[in-house]
C-alpha atoms as a PDB file:
ATOM      1  CA  MET A   1      48.299   5.302  62.178  1.00  0.00           C
ATOM      2  CA  THR A   2      47.330   5.859  58.529  1.00  0.00           C
ATOM      3  CA  ARG A   3      44.145   4.580  56.911  1.00  0.00           C
ATOM      4  CA  PHE A   4      46.154   1.953  55.063  1.00  0.00           C
ATOM      5  CA  GLU A   5      47.694   0.682  58.312  1.00  0.00           C
ATOM      6  CA  ARG A   6      44.238   0.352  59.833  1.00  0.00           C
ATOM      7  CA  LEU A   7      43.038  -1.439  56.736  1.00  0.00           C
ATOM      8  CA  LEU A   8      45.905  -3.929  56.665  1.00  0.00           C
ATOM      9  CA  GLY A   9      45.936  -4.495  60.410  1.00  0.00           C
ATOM     10  CA  GLY A  10      42.226  -5.096  60.913  1.00  0.00           C
ATOM     11  CA  SER A  11      40.759  -5.528  64.389  1.00  0.00           C
ATOM     12  CA  LEU A  12      39.213  -8.291  66.474  1.00  0.00           C
ATOM     13  CA  GLN A  13      36.162  -6.627  67.937  1.00  0.00           C
ATOM     14  CA  ARG A  14      34.731  -9.631  69.712  1.00  0.00           C
ATOM     15  CA  ARG A  15      36.509 -11.183  72.676  1.00  0.00           C
ATOM     16  CA  HIS A  16      35.672 -14.802  71.851  1.00  0.00           C
ATOM     17  CA  TYR A  17      37.473 -14.383  68.537  1.00  0.00           C
ATOM     18  CA  SER A  18      40.757 -14.289  70.433  1.00  0.00           C
ATOM     19  CA  LEU A  19      40.061 -17.773  71.779  1.00  0.00           C
ATOM     20  CA  TRP A  20      39.110 -19.033  68.340  1.00  0.00           C
ATOM     21  CA  ALA A  21      42.324 -17.664  66.854  1.00  0.00           C
ATOM     22  CA  MET A  22      44.339 -19.273  69.655  1.00  0.00           C
ATOM     23  CA  ILE A  23      42.831 -22.678  68.904  1.00  0.00           C
ATOM     24  CA  ASP A  24      44.081 -22.440  65.318  1.00  0.00           C
ATOM     25  CA  TYR A  25      47.439 -20.905  66.193  1.00  0.00           C
ATOM     26  CA  ALA A  26      50.380 -22.943  64.895  1.00  0.00           C
ATOM     27  CA  PRO A  27      53.645 -22.228  66.801  1.00  0.00           C
ATOM     28  CA  SER A  28      56.794 -21.485  64.840  1.00  0.00           C
ATOM     29  CA  ASP A  29      58.344 -24.855  65.736  1.00  0.00           C
ATOM     30  CA  GLY A  30      56.350 -26.444  62.909  1.00  0.00           C
ATOM     31  CA  GLY A  31      54.284 -28.647  65.195  1.00  0.00           C
ATOM     32  CA  PRO A  32      50.481 -28.931  65.377  1.00  0.00           C
ATOM     33  CA  PRO A  33      48.221 -26.091  66.565  1.00  0.00           C
ATOM     34  CA  LEU A  34      47.833 -25.435  70.270  1.00  0.00           C
ATOM     35  CA  ALA A  35      44.414 -27.073  70.597  1.00  0.00           C
ATOM     36  CA  ALA A  36      45.693 -30.260  68.974  1.00  0.00           C
ATOM     37  CA  ARG A  37      48.645 -30.323  71.366  1.00  0.00           C
ATOM     38  CA  TYR A  38      46.369 -29.919  74.357  1.00  0.00           C
ATOM     39  CA  ALA A  39      44.264 -32.884  73.246  1.00  0.00           C
ATOM     40  CA  THR A  40      47.338 -35.150  73.400  1.00  0.00           C
ATOM     41  CA  ARG A  41      48.201 -34.381  77.039  1.00  0.00           C
ATOM     42  CA  PRO A  42      48.552 -37.703  78.905  1.00  0.00           C
ATOM     43  CA  ASP A  43      47.034 -36.327  82.119  1.00  0.00           C
ATOM     44  CA  LEU A  44      43.635 -35.579  80.549  1.00  0.00           C
ATOM     45  CA  PRO A  45      40.685 -37.790  81.537  1.00  0.00           C
ATOM     46  CA  ARG A  46      39.445 -39.784  78.561  1.00  0.00           C
ATOM     47  CA  ALA A  47      36.139 -37.890  78.324  1.00  0.00           C
ATOM     48  CA  GLU A  48      37.901 -34.502  78.369  1.00  0.00           C
ATOM     49  CA  GLN A  49      40.447 -35.698  75.843  1.00  0.00           C
ATOM     50  CA  ALA A  50      37.684 -36.793  73.447  1.00  0.00           C
ATOM     51  CA  HIS A  51      36.015 -33.400  73.803  1.00  0.00           C
ATOM     52  CA  ALA A  52      39.332 -31.606  73.250  1.00  0.00           C
ATOM     53  CA  GLU A  53      39.955 -33.649  70.103  1.00  0.00           C
ATOM     54  CA  ARG A  54      36.572 -32.620  68.713  1.00  0.00           C
ATOM     55  CA  ILE A  55      37.283 -28.946  69.426  1.00  0.00           C
ATOM     56  CA  ALA A  56      40.737 -29.200  67.829  1.00  0.00           C
ATOM     57  CA  ALA A  57      39.152 -30.668  64.693  1.00  0.00           C
ATOM     58  CA  THR A  58      36.781 -27.714  64.240  1.00  0.00           C
ATOM     59  CA  LYS A  59      37.594 -24.704  62.123  1.00  0.00           C
ATOM     60  CA  VAL A  60      36.227 -21.206  61.779  1.00  0.00           C
ATOM     61  CA  ASP A  61      33.930 -21.096  58.779  1.00  0.00           C
ATOM     62  CA  VAL A  62      31.299 -18.929  57.150  1.00  0.00           C
ATOM     63  CA  HIS A  63      27.851 -20.446  56.675  1.00  0.00           C
ATOM     64  CA  ARG A  64      24.639 -19.354  55.016  1.00  0.00           C
ATOM     65  CA  VAL A  65      21.473 -20.172  56.965  1.00  0.00           C
ATOM     66  CA  LEU A  66      19.258 -22.308  54.723  1.00  0.00           C
ATOM     67  CA  ASP A  67      16.421 -23.019  57.145  1.00  0.00           C
ATOM     68  CA  VAL A  68      15.664 -22.597  60.814  1.00  0.00           C
ATOM     69  CA  VAL A  69      13.151 -23.687  63.448  1.00  0.00           C
ATOM     70  CA  PRO A  70      13.483 -21.073  66.202  1.00  0.00           C
ATOM     71  CA  GLY A  71      14.594 -22.564  69.483  1.00  0.00           C
ATOM     72  CA  ILE A  72      15.372 -25.991  67.998  1.00  0.00           C
ATOM     73  CA  TRP A  73      17.661 -26.354  64.958  1.00  0.00           C
ATOM     74  CA  VAL A  74      19.343 -24.459  62.167  1.00  0.00           C
ATOM     75  CA  GLU A  75      20.423 -25.785  58.760  1.00  0.00           C
ATOM     76  CA  LEU A  76      23.692 -24.352  57.438  1.00  0.00           C
ATOM     77  CA  GLU A  77      25.618 -24.361  54.164  1.00  0.00           C
ATOM     78  CA  THR A  78      29.287 -23.367  53.992  1.00  0.00           C
ATOM     79  CA  LEU A  79      29.923 -20.544  51.537  1.00  0.00           C
ATOM     80  CA  ALA A  80      33.160 -22.244  50.471  1.00  0.00           C
ATOM     81  CA  GLY A  81      32.335 -25.746  49.318  1.00  0.00           C
ATOM     82  CA  GLY A  82      28.578 -25.877  49.824  1.00  0.00           C
ATOM     83  CA  GLU A  83      28.523 -28.591  52.506  1.00  0.00           C
ATOM     84  CA  THR A  84      25.275 -28.633  54.487  1.00  0.00           C
ATOM     85  CA  ALA A  85      24.598 -29.580  58.091  1.00  0.00           C
ATOM     86  CA  ARG A  86      21.627 -29.409  60.432  1.00  0.00           C
ATOM     87  CA  THR A  87      22.509 -28.749  64.056  1.00  0.00           C
ATOM     88  CA  LEU A  88      20.476 -28.513  67.243  1.00  0.00           C
ATOM     89  CA  SER A  89      21.080 -25.072  68.705  1.00  0.00           C
ATOM     90  CA  PRO A  90      18.469 -23.182  70.713  1.00  0.00           C
ATOM     91  CA  LEU A  91      20.668 -20.054  70.683  1.00  0.00           C
ATOM     92  CA  ALA A  92      21.681 -19.958  66.994  1.00  0.00           C
ATOM     93  CA  SER A  93      18.215 -20.948  65.809  1.00  0.00           C
ATOM     94  CA  THR A  94      16.713 -18.089  67.818  1.00  0.00           C
ATOM     95  CA  ARG A  95      19.190 -15.463  66.624  1.00  0.00           C
ATOM     96  CA  THR A  96      19.195 -16.309  62.890  1.00  0.00           C
ATOM     97  CA  ARG A  97      16.774 -16.516  60.008  1.00  0.00           C
ATOM     98  CA  ALA A  98      16.979 -18.013  56.533  1.00  0.00           C
ATOM     99  CA  GLY A  99      19.430 -16.120  54.336  1.00  0.00           C
ATOM    100  CA  ASP A 100      21.605 -14.828  57.177  1.00  0.00           C
ATOM    101  CA  VAL A 101      25.352 -15.459  57.344  1.00  0.00           C
ATOM    102  CA  LEU A 102      26.715 -17.192  60.460  1.00  0.00           C
ATOM    103  CA  LEU A 103      30.418 -17.132  61.309  1.00  0.00           C
ATOM    104  CA  THR A 104      31.012 -19.990  63.731  1.00  0.00           C
ATOM    105  CA  ARG A 105      32.737 -23.323  64.428  1.00  0.00           C
ATOM    106  CA  LEU A 106      30.912 -26.599  63.788  1.00  0.00           C
ATOM    107  CA  MET A 107      31.937 -29.570  65.914  1.00  0.00           C
ATOM    108  CA  SER A 108      31.315 -33.100  64.640  1.00  0.00           C
ATOM    109  CA  GLY A 109      29.111 -35.722  66.373  1.00  0.00           C
ATOM    110  CA  PRO A 110      28.856 -37.998  68.076  1.00  0.00           C
ATOM    111  CA  SER A 111      25.163 -37.893  67.183  1.00  0.00           C
ATOM    112  CA  SER A 112      24.992 -34.723  65.058  1.00  0.00           C
ATOM    113  CA  PRO A 113      27.097 -31.622  64.370  1.00  0.00           C
ATOM    114  CA  SER A 114      26.963 -28.915  67.028  1.00  0.00           C
ATOM    115  CA  ILE A 115      28.045 -25.304  67.243  1.00  0.00           C
ATOM    116  CA  TRP A 116      31.020 -24.838  69.561  1.00  0.00           C
ATOM    117  CA  GLY A 117      31.209 -21.561  71.398  1.00  0.00           C
ATOM    118  CA  ALA A 118      29.599 -18.353  70.254  1.00  0.00           C
ATOM    119  CA  GLY A 119      28.918 -17.255  66.705  1.00  0.00           C
ATOM    120  CA  THR A 120      28.348 -13.958  64.925  1.00  0.00           C
ATOM    121  CA  VAL A 121      25.327 -13.302  62.725  1.00  0.00           C
ATOM    122  CA  PHE A 122      25.482 -11.067  59.645  1.00  0.00           C
ATOM    123  CA  GLY A 123      22.563 -10.028  57.465  1.00  0.00           C
ATOM    124  CA  ALA A 124      21.769 -11.622  54.123  1.00  0.00           C
ATOM    125  CA  ASP A 125      22.933  -8.458  52.324  1.00  0.00           C
ATOM    126  CA  GLY A 126      26.522  -9.423  53.173  1.00  0.00           C
ATOM    127  CA  VAL A 127      26.559 -12.777  51.344  1.00  0.00           C
ATOM    128  CA  ARG A 128      28.253 -11.462  48.166  1.00  0.00           C
ATOM    129  CA  LYS A 129      30.877  -9.613  50.207  1.00  0.00           C
ATOM    130  CA  TRP A 130      31.672 -12.742  52.214  1.00  0.00           C
ATOM    131  CA  ALA A 131      31.862 -14.891  49.073  1.00  0.00           C
ATOM    132  CA  HIS A 132      34.293 -12.483  47.380  1.00  0.00           C
ATOM    133  CA  HIS A 133      36.388 -12.213  50.546  1.00  0.00           C
ATOM    134  CA  ILE A 134      36.651 -16.009  50.812  1.00  0.00           C
ATOM    135  CA  ASP A 135      37.517 -16.376  47.116  1.00  0.00           C
ATOM    136  CA  ALA A 136      40.345 -13.853  47.544  1.00  0.00           C
ATOM    137  CA  LEU A 137      42.040 -15.884  50.306  1.00  0.00           C
ATOM    138  CA  PRO A 138      45.084 -17.825  49.037  1.00  0.00           C
ATOM    139  CA  ALA A 139      44.714 -21.595  49.341  1.00  0.00           C
ATOM    140  CA  GLY A 140      46.401 -23.058  52.399  1.00  0.00           C
ATOM    141  CA  ARG A 141      46.934 -19.669  54.021  1.00  0.00           C
ATOM    142  CA  ALA A 142      48.075 -20.213  57.613  1.00  0.00           C
ATOM    143  CA  ASP A 143      46.156 -17.235  59.004  1.00  0.00           C
ATOM    144  CA  ALA A 144      42.918 -17.900  57.099  1.00  0.00           C
ATOM    145  CA  ALA A 145      40.935 -18.105  60.349  1.00  0.00           C
ATOM    146  CA  LEU A 146      42.254 -14.722  61.457  1.00  0.00           C
ATOM    147  CA  THR A 147      41.313 -13.086  58.163  1.00  0.00           C
ATOM    148  CA  LEU A 148      37.762 -14.403  58.541  1.00  0.00           C
ATOM    149  CA  LEU A 149      37.531 -13.193  62.129  1.00  0.00           C
ATOM    150  CA  SER A 150      38.726  -9.688  61.255  1.00  0.00           C
ATOM    151  CA  PHE A 151      36.354  -9.246  58.289  1.00  0.00           C
ATOM    152  CA  ASP A 152      33.223  -7.140  58.723  1.00  0.00           C
ATOM    153  CA  PRO A 153      31.082  -6.744  55.580  1.00  0.00           C
ATOM    154  CA  ALA A 154      29.661  -3.456  56.886  1.00  0.00           C
ATOM    155  CA  ASP A 155      33.092  -1.862  56.396  1.00  0.00           C
ATOM    156  CA  HIS A 156      33.541  -3.050  52.806  1.00  0.00           C
ATOM    157  CA  ALA A 157      32.236  -2.008  49.422  1.00  0.00           C
ATOM    158  CA  GLU A 158      29.805  -4.233  47.574  1.00  0.00           C
ATOM    159  CA  PRO A 159      31.665  -6.246  44.898  1.00  0.00           C
ATOM    160  CA  LEU A 160      31.232  -4.838  41.422  1.00  0.00           C
ATOM    161  CA  PRO A 161      28.368  -6.445  39.473  1.00  0.00           C
ATOM    162  CA  ASP A 162      29.492  -9.409  37.390  1.00  0.00           C
ATOM    163  CA  ALA A 163      27.305  -8.671  34.377  1.00  0.00           C
ATOM    164  CA  HIS A 164      29.585  -5.999  32.877  1.00  0.00           C
ATOM    165  CA  ASP A 165      32.898  -6.032  31.054  1.00  0.00           C
ATOM    166  CA  TRP A 166      34.335  -3.198  33.125  1.00  0.00           C
ATOM    167  CA  VAL A 167      36.780  -0.777  31.539  1.00  0.00           C
ATOM    168  CA  THR A 168      39.636  -0.832  34.082  1.00  0.00           C
ATOM    169  CA  VAL A 169      42.579   1.579  34.213  1.00  0.00           C
ATOM    170  CA  THR A 170      45.413   1.779  36.750  1.00  0.00           C
ATOM    171  CA  TRP A 171      47.348   4.908  37.681  1.00  0.00           C
ATOM    172  CA  PRO A 172      50.623   4.992  39.657  1.00  0.00           C
ATOM    173  CA  VAL A 173      50.652   7.476  42.563  1.00  0.00           C
ATOM    174  CA  ASP A 174      53.374   8.656  44.919  1.00  0.00           C
ATOM    175  CA  ASP A 175      51.205   8.941  48.039  1.00  0.00           C
ATOM    176  CA  GLY A 176      47.828   7.227  48.333  1.00  0.00           C
ATOM    177  CA  GLU A 177      47.035   9.106  51.556  1.00  0.00           C
ATOM    178  CA  LEU A 178      47.174  12.447  49.729  1.00  0.00           C
ATOM    179  CA  VAL A 179      44.844  11.074  47.046  1.00  0.00           C
ATOM    180  CA  LEU A 180      42.375   9.958  49.745  1.00  0.00           C
ATOM    181  CA  ASP A 181      42.438  13.419  51.300  1.00  0.00           C
ATOM    182  CA  ALA A 182      41.694  15.011  47.926  1.00  0.00           C
ATOM    183  CA  LEU A 183      38.839  12.624  47.145  1.00  0.00           C
ATOM    184  CA  GLU A 184      37.148  13.274  50.481  1.00  0.00           C
ATOM    185  CA  GLU A 185      36.962  16.953  49.549  1.00  0.00           C
ATOM    186  CA  ASP A 186      35.535  16.233  46.082  1.00  0.00           C
ATOM    187  CA  PRO A 187      31.696  16.302  46.064  1.00  0.00           C
ATOM    188  CA  LEU A 188      31.629  14.014  43.026  1.00  0.00           C
ATOM    189  CA  PHE A 189      33.008  11.055  45.005  1.00  0.00           C
ATOM    190  CA  ALA A 190      31.228   9.060  47.716  1.00  0.00           C
ATOM    191  CA  SER A 191      33.169   6.685  49.966  1.00  0.00           C
ATOM    192  CA  LEU A 192      32.066   3.036  49.785  1.00  0.00           C
ATOM    193  CA  GLY A 193      34.451   1.677  52.431  1.00  0.00           C
ATOM    194  CA  GLN A 194      37.237  -0.826  51.976  1.00  0.00           C
ATOM    195  CA  GLU A 195      37.552  -2.763  48.741  1.00  0.00           C
ATOM    196  CA  ILE A 196      37.340  -6.536  49.252  1.00  0.00           C
ATOM    197  CA  SER A 197      40.810  -7.049  47.780  1.00  0.00           C
ATOM    198  CA  GLY A 198      42.359  -4.013  49.509  1.00  0.00           C
ATOM    199  CA  GLY A 199      42.415  -0.243  49.203  1.00  0.00           C
ATOM    200  CA  TRP A 200      39.560   2.224  49.646  1.00  0.00           C
ATOM    201  CA  ALA A 201      36.641   2.395  47.216  1.00  0.00           C
ATOM    202  CA  PHE A 202      34.749   5.477  46.013  1.00  0.00           C
ATOM    203  CA  ALA A 203      31.684   5.744  43.775  1.00  0.00           C
ATOM    204  CA  TRP A 204      31.981   8.494  41.186  1.00  0.00           C
ATOM    205  CA  LEU A 205      28.780  10.524  41.213  1.00  0.00           C
ATOM    206  CA  GLY A 206      29.820  12.378  38.091  1.00  0.00           C
ATOM    207  CA  ALA A 207      29.222   9.291  35.965  1.00  0.00           C
ATOM    208  CA  ARG A 208      26.484   9.387  33.351  1.00  0.00           C
ATOM    209  CA  LYS A 209      23.201   8.291  34.987  1.00  0.00           C
ATOM    210  CA  PRO A 210      24.794   8.836  38.430  1.00  0.00           C
ATOM    211  CA  ARG A 211      23.852   6.300  41.078  1.00  0.00           C
ATOM    212  CA  ALA A 212      25.250   6.914  44.554  1.00  0.00           C
ATOM    213  CA  ALA A 213      23.790   3.762  46.068  1.00  0.00           C
ATOM    214  CA  VAL A 214      25.107   0.309  45.310  1.00  0.00           C
ATOM    215  CA  ALA A 215      22.328  -1.981  44.127  1.00  0.00           C
ATOM    216  CA  PRO A 216      22.424  -5.745  43.538  1.00  0.00           C
ATOM    217  CA  ASP A 217      23.425  -6.877  40.086  1.00  0.00           C
ATOM    218  CA  ASP A 218      20.409  -7.155  37.769  1.00  0.00           C
ATOM    219  CA  GLU A 219      20.183  -9.563  34.847  1.00  0.00           C
ATOM    220  CA  ASP A 220      19.932  -6.634  32.451  1.00  0.00           C
ATOM    221  CA  GLY A 221      23.037  -5.037  33.969  1.00  0.00           C
ATOM    222  CA  GLU A 222      21.206  -1.893  35.101  1.00  0.00           C
ATOM    223  CA  GLY A 223      21.811  -2.329  38.841  1.00  0.00           C
ATOM    224  CA  GLY A 224      24.742  -0.982  40.819  1.00  0.00           C
ATOM    225  CA  GLU A 225      27.396   1.596  40.064  1.00  0.00           C
ATOM    226  CA  ARG A 226      28.569   2.957  36.751  1.00  0.00           C
ATOM    227  CA  ALA A 227      32.060   3.898  37.905  1.00  0.00           C
ATOM    228  CA  ARG A 228      34.294   3.143  40.888  1.00  0.00           C
ATOM    229  CA  LEU A 229      37.714   4.361  41.984  1.00  0.00           C
ATOM    230  CA  VAL A 230      39.964   2.350  44.326  1.00  0.00           C
ATOM    231  CA  VAL A 231      42.939   3.949  46.098  1.00  0.00           C
ATOM    232  CA  ASP A 232      45.881   1.845  47.285  1.00  0.00           C
ATOM    233  CA  ARG A 233      49.204   3.032  48.711  1.00  0.00           C
ATOM    234  CA  GLU A 234      50.874   3.367  45.307  1.00  0.00           C
ATOM    235  CA  LEU A 235      48.069   2.800  42.812  1.00  0.00           C
ATOM    236  CA  VAL A 236      44.705   4.232  41.813  1.00  0.00           C
ATOM    237  CA  THR A 237      42.393   1.916  39.880  1.00  0.00           C
ATOM    238  CA  THR A 238      39.268   3.037  38.021  1.00  0.00           C
ATOM    239  CA  HIS A 239      36.430   0.802  36.841  1.00  0.00           C
ATOM    240  CA  ALA A 240      33.838   2.177  34.419  1.00  0.00           C
ATOM    241  CA  ILE A 241      30.770   0.631  32.857  1.00  0.00           C
ATOM    242  CA  ASP A 242      31.799   1.760  29.362  1.00  0.00           C
ATOM    243  CA  GLN A 243      34.540   3.676  27.560  1.00  0.00           C
ATOM    244  CA  ALA A 244      32.654   6.975  27.574  1.00  0.00           C
ATOM    245  CA  VAL A 245      32.284   6.946  31.356  1.00  0.00           C
ATOM    246  CA  SER A 246      35.932   5.898  31.685  1.00  0.00           C
ATOM    247  CA  ASN A 247      37.020   8.843  29.537  1.00  0.00           C
ATOM    248  CA  ASP A 248      34.966  11.283  31.639  1.00  0.00           C
ATOM    249  CA  LEU A 249      36.423   9.891  34.866  1.00  0.00           C
ATOM    250  CA  GLU A 250      39.942  10.029  33.439  1.00  0.00           C
ATOM    251  CA  ALA A 251      39.537  13.680  32.489  1.00  0.00           C
ATOM    252  CA  HIS A 252      38.144  14.507  35.922  1.00  0.00           C
ATOM    253  CA  LEU A 253      41.049  12.828  37.722  1.00  0.00           C
ATOM    254  CA  GLU A 254      43.681  14.533  35.592  1.00  0.00           C
ATOM    255  CA  ARG A 255      42.076  17.911  36.266  1.00  0.00           C
ATOM    256  CA  ASP A 256      41.267  17.626  39.982  1.00  0.00           C
ATOM    257  CA  LEU A 257      44.132  15.375  41.108  1.00  0.00           C
ATOM    258  CA  LYS A 258      46.790  17.115  39.075  1.00  0.00           C
ATOM    259  CA  GLY A 259      50.158  16.563  40.699  1.00  0.00           C
ATOM    260  CA  LEU A 260      48.946  13.537  42.687  1.00  0.00           C
ATOM    261  CA  ILE A 261      48.656  11.054  39.821  1.00  0.00           C
ATOM    262  CA  GLU A 262      50.789  10.385  36.776  1.00  0.00           C
ATOM    263  CA  PRO A 263      49.622  12.025  33.519  1.00  0.00           C
ATOM    264  CA  ALA A 264      47.571  10.009  31.051  1.00  0.00           C
ATOM    265  CA  ASP A 265      50.522   8.923  28.923  1.00  0.00           C
ATOM    266  CA  HIS A 266      51.982   7.150  32.000  1.00  0.00           C
ATOM    267  CA  HIS A 267      48.979   5.264  33.287  1.00  0.00           C
ATOM    268  CA  ARG A 268      48.559   1.601  32.426  1.00  0.00           C
ATOM    269  CA  ARG A 269      45.392  -0.010  31.162  1.00  0.00           C
ATOM    270  CA  ALA A 270      44.759  -3.222  33.075  1.00  0.00           C
ATOM    271  CA  ALA A 271      44.643  -6.521  31.236  1.00  0.00           C
END
């Protein structure tokens, strides 16, 4: 299995995720999801049917923890939409703290929202990665729950700071795997993990004022990287903080990846 196949396939590392995905699964006959079908079974006792209907109405979502009283309640805000809810949960309120990200399912009433099943806690440093991942999901995507369940911010590069007008260039390649192999042998590149939108990201340590670490975006634009390279199956994309850095990176690629990327007169500057 190639690195790109692992990237596109993802993995469900937590067993309860399989149950969550099954609840949202919509069979190919065009009918409602499995959980909704179960709730309509005529042989269910009324109390169990009401509970099943509440479970069927839940959805996997990503929440930021706004406030918490350990052992009692936790206040959550969805990253997509900003809705807030306070729920009694001795377990979640013990495991989380303000600023954390909680991937879970909220179940409505009858008295107040409650967390159904288990949840997974991520640190506050993953908020920007989650937000970019959610923004990249197409509206109405049938497997949206699965893409949330298979996302782990620890495996992904920090989104590029928003404060810069990045100089972006794309390069066609014949074999992205060969490019990855070459970059891993180049001491001037450091792997950052998977790009939020796909491909594998590398920081270029040969940039002026080299910064290997990825820092949060500062108001003055000084935080974070100064150049990044992203490798896809058939495309290499470079992002540079200014034209001078872009020119240096371009010259380096043409020299050290000669034969793996198209020459400069063939690459396309992104819009």
